[in-house]
């Protein structure tokens, strides 16, 4: 198989994107961390650990050799979690097709990256490590999507954001099909901030969603309803927009489009959302009791059995809010919950008092 495209990361979203491309009769190489995942994809054409119930095209070939996966490809799509992104990227820098800038690169990863300079956006951090050919040419892909739906052909919209119109269009054409709509954007910073920050709000939304079912959740009564959730979502969007503009977003409408409110809404409300699930389990399973603080949680996050990206993002957003002198009560309060400083119900009481002023 001579693949034109490589997808790095065989989680649910990486596998789904590989499936979308392969269904257009294009061969795809997908890099897996786990030998078992590689074998399931190659032998059974399934990824039961990360995308159960989906049959994959036979022209997807999995490998655990990242050099083999990336070498000579026209398109490279990075789909590993933010916690592992830079470690993964550093393994491909010496590959000739990367050194020469022959491979066009897009990123699906959501989050901020911790650096010696503080939290930074993903694309600008990658540009510091990749050859100079890639400056202002990387593409960031995000939007209101879940692998569980896209892999089944449910109608979905994505944004391909890049300072290079040519590369945005190339990846748009690579991905789009009759049920997956892909739109271009020049607001690379705004789209990245929205994609990372919405996971923080979604954890808070999950907490509220769980408390909504408890009859005595708020001072012996239950005052939480659908309207309360919409209040939280709207206030969360304001925080995301404030941070995005402070970090250089160029188009305010980014936050009222599918990459802003669209992505936030589906992440908060969908049953497939890992961050919402984590927020619910903070209440329903007392999941934080097994961790000392947020650093302990991040160090042992694999103990959860799934990866809520909003945990890492909560730590980074708190730092960014202080840096830019922004008032972000939801994000700051969520950090304090994860850091075991405050109980969720007290966080919500403080937040509602703040919003009601």
Protein backbone atom coordinates (compact mmCIF):
# COMPACT_ATOMS: atom_id res chain seq x y z
CA UNK A 1 0.00 0.00 0.00
CA UNK A 2 1.39 3.42 -0.99
CA UNK A 3 -0.43 5.83 1.28
CA UNK A 4 -0.73 9.50 0.48
CA UNK A 5 -1.88 10.40 4.00
CA UNK A 6 -0.69 9.56 7.51
CA UNK A 7 -2.75 9.99 10.67
CA UNK A 8 -0.71 10.03 13.88
CA UNK A 9 -2.87 8.76 16.72
CA UNK A 10 -5.35 5.90 16.60
CA UNK A 11 -7.79 7.14 19.21
CA UNK A 12 -11.44 7.57 18.33
CA UNK A 13 -11.02 10.84 16.42
CA UNK A 14 -7.81 9.88 14.62
CA UNK A 15 -9.34 6.57 13.55
CA UNK A 16 -12.49 8.31 12.36
CA UNK A 17 -10.58 10.84 10.26
CA UNK A 18 -8.54 7.99 8.74
CA UNK A 19 -11.84 6.24 7.90
CA UNK A 20 -13.27 9.37 6.27
CA UNK A 21 -10.22 9.74 4.03
CA UNK A 22 -9.97 6.01 3.22
CA UNK A 23 -13.61 5.90 2.15
CA UNK A 24 -12.67 8.30 -0.65
CA UNK A 25 -10.51 5.51 -2.10
CA UNK A 26 -7.31 6.96 -0.68
CA UNK A 27 -4.82 4.74 1.17
CA UNK A 28 -4.12 5.86 4.75
CA UNK A 29 -1.34 4.93 7.16
CA UNK A 30 -2.28 5.29 10.82
CA UNK A 31 0.24 5.26 13.65
CA UNK A 32 -0.78 3.45 16.84
CA UNK A 33 0.91 3.45 20.21
CA UNK A 34 -0.51 0.05 21.16
CA UNK A 35 0.43 -3.17 19.38
CA UNK A 36 -3.05 -4.54 20.06
CA UNK A 37 -4.71 -1.60 18.31
CA UNK A 38 -2.40 -2.05 15.32
CA UNK A 39 -3.29 -5.72 15.03
CA UNK A 40 -7.03 -5.15 15.39
CA UNK A 41 -6.99 -2.56 12.60
CA UNK A 42 -4.84 -4.63 10.25
CA UNK A 43 -6.37 -8.05 10.85
CA UNK A 44 -10.01 -7.34 11.73
CA UNK A 45 -10.41 -3.80 10.36
CA UNK A 46 -11.75 -2.59 13.68
CA UNK A 47 -10.56 -0.48 16.61
CA UNK A 48 -12.72 -1.89 19.42
CA UNK A 49 -10.86 -0.12 22.22
CA UNK A 50 -11.33 3.40 20.90
CA UNK A 51 -14.06 3.18 18.24
CA UNK A 52 -16.18 0.10 18.96
CA UNK A 53 -18.80 -1.10 16.50
CA UNK A 54 -17.24 0.52 13.43
CA UNK A 55 -15.84 -1.46 10.50
CA UNK A 56 -12.86 0.27 8.92
CA UNK A 57 -11.91 0.29 5.23
CA UNK A 58 -9.25 -2.22 4.25
CA UNK A 59 -7.08 0.54 2.76
CA UNK A 60 -6.19 1.78 6.26
CA UNK A 61 -2.88 0.25 7.33
CA UNK A 62 -1.79 0.57 10.95
CA UNK A 63 1.78 0.62 12.23
CA UNK A 64 3.59 1.25 15.51
CA UNK A 65 6.62 2.60 13.59
CA UNK A 66 6.12 6.35 13.41
CA UNK A 67 8.90 6.84 10.86
CA UNK A 68 7.29 4.30 8.56
CA UNK A 69 3.91 6.00 8.97
CA UNK A 70 5.11 9.54 8.20
CA UNK A 71 7.87 9.08 5.62
CA UNK A 72 7.09 10.40 2.15
CA UNK A 73 3.50 11.40 2.83
CA UNK A 74 1.78 14.30 1.11
CA UNK A 75 -0.56 14.89 4.06
CA UNK A 76 0.08 14.38 7.79
CA UNK A 77 -2.66 14.72 10.41
CA UNK A 78 -1.67 14.89 14.07
CA UNK A 79 -4.35 13.44 16.35
CA UNK A 80 -2.56 12.59 19.61
CA UNK A 81 -3.70 14.17 22.91
CA UNK A 82 -2.06 17.45 23.94
CA UNK A 83 -0.26 15.77 26.85
CA UNK A 84 1.75 13.68 24.38
CA UNK A 85 1.87 15.90 21.29
CA UNK A 86 5.35 17.40 21.55
CA UNK A 87 6.96 14.09 22.51
CA UNK A 88 5.39 12.59 19.39
CA UNK A 89 6.32 15.46 17.07
CA UNK A 90 9.97 15.35 18.15
CA UNK A 91 10.12 11.79 16.79
CA UNK A 92 9.37 12.90 13.23
CA UNK A 93 11.54 16.01 12.86
CA UNK A 94 14.41 14.10 11.24
CA UNK A 95 12.25 12.43 8.56
CA UNK A 96 13.37 13.71 5.12
CA UNK A 97 9.88 14.62 3.87
CA UNK A 98 9.41 16.73 7.03
CA UNK A 99 12.89 18.26 6.91
CA UNK A 100 12.26 19.30 3.31
CA UNK A 101 8.75 20.63 3.94
CA UNK A 102 7.23 18.25 1.40
CA UNK A 103 4.50 17.06 3.77
CA UNK A 104 1.53 19.33 4.54
CA UNK A 105 0.56 19.12 8.22
CA UNK A 106 -2.80 19.54 9.98
CA UNK A 107 -3.55 19.22 13.68
CA UNK A 108 -6.65 17.83 15.40
CA UNK A 109 -5.26 18.02 18.95
CA UNK A 110 -7.11 20.31 21.36
CA UNK A 111 -5.51 22.14 24.26
CA UNK A 112 -2.72 24.49 25.27
CA UNK A 113 0.89 23.34 25.50
CA UNK A 114 2.91 24.08 28.65
CA UNK A 115 6.29 25.64 27.83
CA UNK A 116 9.02 27.56 29.64
CA UNK A 117 7.26 30.71 28.39
CA UNK A 118 3.95 29.57 29.87
CA UNK A 119 0.94 28.00 28.10
CA UNK A 120 1.03 28.46 24.34
CA UNK A 121 -1.18 27.64 21.39
CA UNK A 122 -0.45 24.40 19.61
CA UNK A 123 0.42 25.71 16.15
CA UNK A 124 2.82 28.40 17.35
CA UNK A 125 4.60 25.83 19.52
CA UNK A 126 4.90 23.40 16.62
CA UNK A 127 6.28 26.17 14.41
CA UNK A 128 9.13 26.65 16.87
CA UNK A 129 10.19 23.02 16.38
CA UNK A 130 9.34 22.24 12.76
CA UNK A 131 11.48 23.47 9.84
CA UNK A 132 10.85 27.04 8.72
CA UNK A 133 8.82 25.84 5.71
CA UNK A 134 5.92 25.24 8.10
CA UNK A 135 5.64 28.75 9.53
CA UNK A 136 2.19 30.15 8.73
CA UNK A 137 1.31 27.03 6.73
CA UNK A 138 0.01 24.59 9.37
CA UNK A 139 -3.72 23.83 9.44
CA UNK A 140 -5.84 23.50 12.58
CA UNK A 141 -9.02 21.43 12.30
CA UNK A 142 -11.81 21.70 14.87
CA UNK A 143 -15.56 21.99 15.21
CA UNK A 144 -18.65 20.45 16.83
CA UNK A 145 -17.95 16.80 16.17
CA UNK A 146 -17.84 13.42 17.84
CA UNK A 147 -16.05 10.42 16.42
CA UNK A 148 -18.99 8.21 17.32
CA UNK A 149 -21.22 10.22 14.97
CA UNK A 150 -18.82 11.16 12.16
CA UNK A 151 -17.72 7.53 11.81
CA UNK A 152 -21.39 6.64 11.21
CA UNK A 153 -21.90 9.32 8.58
CA UNK A 154 -23.89 11.79 10.69
CA UNK A 155 -23.93 15.28 9.16
CA UNK A 156 -21.20 17.35 10.81
CA UNK A 157 -19.33 20.63 10.17
CA UNK A 158 -15.65 21.36 10.79
CA UNK A 159 -13.36 24.37 10.45
CA UNK A 160 -9.94 24.15 8.74
CA UNK A 161 -8.10 27.22 10.04
CA UNK A 162 -4.79 28.34 8.57
CA UNK A 163 -2.86 31.43 7.59
CA UNK A 164 -2.34 29.60 4.29
CA UNK A 165 -5.54 29.65 2.24
CA UNK A 166 -4.03 27.06 -0.08
CA UNK A 167 -3.38 24.55 2.70
CA UNK A 168 -6.76 25.16 4.32
CA UNK A 169 -8.44 24.33 1.02
CA UNK A 170 -6.24 21.26 0.46
CA UNK A 171 -7.21 19.74 3.80
CA UNK A 172 -10.81 20.80 3.32
CA UNK A 173 -10.89 18.87 0.07
CA UNK A 174 -9.11 15.89 1.65
CA UNK A 175 -11.73 15.55 4.40
CA UNK A 176 -15.07 16.73 3.05
CA UNK A 177 -17.70 14.30 1.85
CA UNK A 178 -21.49 14.23 1.51
CA UNK A 179 -22.02 14.31 5.30
CA UNK A 180 -18.85 16.06 6.51
CA UNK A 181 -18.79 19.77 5.67
CA UNK A 182 -15.45 21.57 6.07
CA UNK A 183 -15.15 25.36 6.04
CA UNK A 184 -12.03 27.53 5.87
CA UNK A 185 -10.98 30.18 8.38
CA UNK A 186 -8.02 32.54 8.76
CA UNK A 187 -8.59 32.98 12.52
CA UNK A 188 -6.07 30.36 13.60
CA UNK A 189 -5.72 31.73 17.13
CA UNK A 190 -9.42 32.12 17.81
CA UNK A 191 -10.26 28.61 16.62
CA UNK A 192 -7.48 27.09 18.74
CA UNK A 193 -8.52 28.95 21.90
CA UNK A 194 -12.16 27.96 21.44
CA UNK A 195 -11.24 24.30 20.87
CA UNK A 196 -9.10 24.14 24.01
CA UNK A 197 -11.19 26.21 26.40
CA UNK A 198 -14.57 24.60 25.69
CA UNK A 199 -13.40 21.40 27.41
CA UNK A 200 -13.01 23.30 30.69
CA UNK A 201 -16.57 24.61 30.47
CA UNK A 202 -17.81 21.12 29.58
CA UNK A 203 -16.47 19.65 32.83
CA UNK A 204 -18.33 22.35 34.78
CA UNK A 205 -21.43 21.60 32.68
CA UNK A 206 -21.16 17.91 33.59
CA UNK A 207 -21.00 18.79 37.27
CA UNK A 208 -24.14 20.89 36.96
CA UNK A 209 -25.85 18.18 34.90
CA UNK A 210 -25.28 15.65 37.69
CA UNK A 211 -26.42 18.01 40.43
CA UNK A 212 -29.58 18.80 38.43
CA UNK A 213 -30.87 15.29 39.20
CA UNK A 214 -30.39 15.60 42.97
CA UNK A 215 -33.51 16.82 44.76
CA UNK A 216 -31.59 18.48 47.59
CA UNK A 217 -28.59 19.73 45.59
CA UNK A 218 -28.92 23.42 46.53
CA UNK A 219 -29.58 24.17 50.20
CA UNK A 220 -32.10 21.33 50.53
CA UNK A 221 -33.84 22.07 47.23
CA UNK A 222 -33.09 21.65 43.57
CA UNK A 223 -32.94 24.98 41.78
CA UNK A 224 -31.00 23.71 38.75
CA UNK A 225 -32.76 23.24 35.41
CA UNK A 226 -32.25 23.51 31.67
CA UNK A 227 -32.18 27.27 31.95
CA UNK A 228 -29.37 27.04 34.50
CA UNK A 229 -27.35 24.98 32.06
CA UNK A 230 -27.92 27.55 29.30
CA UNK A 231 -26.83 30.28 31.70
CA UNK A 232 -23.61 28.37 32.35
CA UNK A 233 -23.04 27.75 28.65
CA UNK A 234 -23.54 31.42 27.73
CA UNK A 235 -21.28 32.62 30.54
CA UNK A 236 -18.70 30.05 29.48
CA UNK A 237 -18.77 31.31 25.91
CA UNK A 238 -18.09 34.84 27.19
CA UNK A 239 -14.99 33.53 28.99
CA UNK A 240 -13.78 31.72 25.88
CA UNK A 241 -14.24 34.81 23.73
CA UNK A 242 -12.47 37.05 26.26
CA UNK A 243 -9.47 34.71 26.35
CA UNK A 244 -9.46 34.30 22.58
CA UNK A 245 -9.42 38.05 21.92
CA UNK A 246 -6.69 38.53 24.54
CA UNK A 247 -4.59 35.89 22.78
CA UNK A 248 -4.90 37.43 19.35
CA UNK A 249 -8.11 36.10 17.77
CA UNK A 250 -8.75 38.12 14.62
CA UNK A 251 -12.45 37.52 14.00
CA UNK A 252 -15.04 37.95 16.81
CA UNK A 253 -17.49 35.90 14.75
CA UNK A 254 -15.26 32.86 15.32
CA UNK A 255 -16.94 32.53 18.70
CA UNK A 256 -20.48 32.68 17.34
CA UNK A 257 -19.75 30.17 14.59
CA UNK A 258 -19.40 26.38 14.64
CA UNK A 259 -15.87 26.55 16.06
CA UNK A 260 -17.12 28.63 19.00
CA UNK A 261 -20.68 28.18 20.23
CA UNK A 262 -21.19 25.12 18.01
CA UNK A 263 -18.26 23.19 19.47
CA UNK A 264 -19.01 24.35 23.01
CA UNK A 265 -22.65 23.29 22.78
CA UNK A 266 -21.99 19.77 21.50
CA UNK A 267 -19.14 19.23 23.97
CA UNK A 268 -21.34 20.24 26.88
CA UNK A 269 -24.54 18.47 25.85
CA UNK A 270 -23.55 15.31 23.96
CA UNK A 271 -23.57 11.95 25.72
CA UNK A 272 -20.33 11.19 23.88
CA UNK A 273 -18.42 14.05 25.55
CA UNK A 274 -15.59 12.78 27.76
CA UNK A 275 -15.28 16.10 29.59
CA UNK A 276 -18.98 16.24 30.40
CA UNK A 277 -18.75 12.60 31.53
CA UNK A 278 -15.84 13.47 33.82
CA UNK A 279 -17.77 16.35 35.35
CA UNK A 280 -20.75 14.08 36.02
CA UNK A 281 -18.48 11.46 37.62
CA UNK A 282 -17.03 14.07 39.96
CA UNK A 283 -20.51 14.15 41.52
CA UNK A 284 -21.89 10.68 40.86
CA UNK A 285 -18.74 8.62 41.50
CA UNK A 286 -16.75 11.02 43.71
CA UNK A 287 -13.93 10.43 41.25
CA UNK A 288 -11.69 13.19 42.60
CA UNK A 289 -11.40 11.53 46.00
CA UNK A 290 -8.68 9.26 44.61
CA UNK A 291 -6.42 12.22 43.76
CA UNK A 292 -4.55 14.69 45.94
CA UNK A 293 -4.70 17.69 43.61
CA UNK A 294 -4.75 18.58 39.92
CA UNK A 295 -1.08 17.71 39.44
CA UNK A 296 -1.66 14.26 40.91
CA UNK A 297 -4.69 13.90 38.64
CA UNK A 298 -2.68 14.83 35.55
CA UNK A 299 0.17 12.50 36.51
CA UNK A 300 -2.22 9.55 36.92
CA UNK A 301 -4.87 10.54 34.42
CA UNK A 302 -4.66 7.18 32.67
CA UNK A 303 -6.21 5.69 35.83
CA UNK A 304 -9.53 7.16 34.67
CA UNK A 305 -9.68 4.85 31.65
CA UNK A 306 -10.43 7.79 29.33
CA UNK A 307 -8.87 11.20 28.74
CA UNK A 308 -10.78 14.40 29.59
CA UNK A 309 -8.63 17.05 27.89
CA UNK A 310 -10.26 19.75 29.99
CA UNK A 311 -8.21 18.77 33.05
CA UNK A 312 -4.93 19.91 31.51
CA UNK A 313 -6.67 22.86 29.88
CA UNK A 314 -8.08 24.02 33.25
CA UNK A 315 -4.57 24.37 34.65
CA UNK A 316 -3.36 26.27 31.59
CA UNK A 317 -6.41 28.53 31.32
CA UNK A 318 -5.97 29.61 34.94
CA UNK A 319 -2.39 30.70 34.17
CA UNK A 320 -3.51 32.52 31.01
CA UNK A 321 -6.36 34.28 32.82
CA UNK A 322 -3.88 35.67 35.35
CA UNK A 323 -1.42 36.65 32.62
CA UNK A 324 -4.04 38.60 30.67
CA UNK A 325 -5.83 39.88 33.80
CA UNK A 326 -9.12 38.32 32.80
CA UNK A 327 -12.07 37.57 35.06
CA UNK A 328 -12.99 33.94 34.29
CA UNK A 329 -15.01 32.63 37.27
CA UNK A 330 -16.12 29.34 35.65
CA UNK A 331 -12.66 28.32 34.50
CA UNK A 332 -10.97 29.49 37.70
CA UNK A 333 -13.56 27.77 39.87
CA UNK A 334 -13.26 24.54 37.91
CA UNK A 335 -9.49 24.60 38.47
CA UNK A 336 -10.10 24.96 42.22
CA UNK A 337 -12.43 21.94 42.17
CA UNK A 338 -9.86 19.81 40.35
CA UNK A 339 -7.15 21.05 42.72
CA UNK A 340 -9.30 19.90 45.69
CA UNK A 341 -9.62 23.45 47.05
CA UNK A 342 -13.41 23.74 46.90
CA UNK A 343 -16.41 21.45 46.70
CA UNK A 344 -18.48 21.53 43.49
CA UNK A 345 -21.69 22.76 45.14
CA UNK A 346 -19.82 25.64 46.78
CA UNK A 347 -18.27 26.48 43.42
CA UNK A 348 -21.73 26.70 41.84
CA UNK A 349 -23.08 28.82 44.68
CA UNK A 350 -20.15 31.23 44.32
CA UNK A 351 -20.52 31.25 40.54
CA UNK A 352 -24.26 31.98 40.59
CA UNK A 353 -23.70 34.77 43.12
CA UNK A 354 -21.04 36.19 40.79
CA UNK A 355 -23.27 35.98 37.72
CA UNK A 356 -26.20 37.51 39.60
CA UNK A 357 -24.40 40.67 40.62
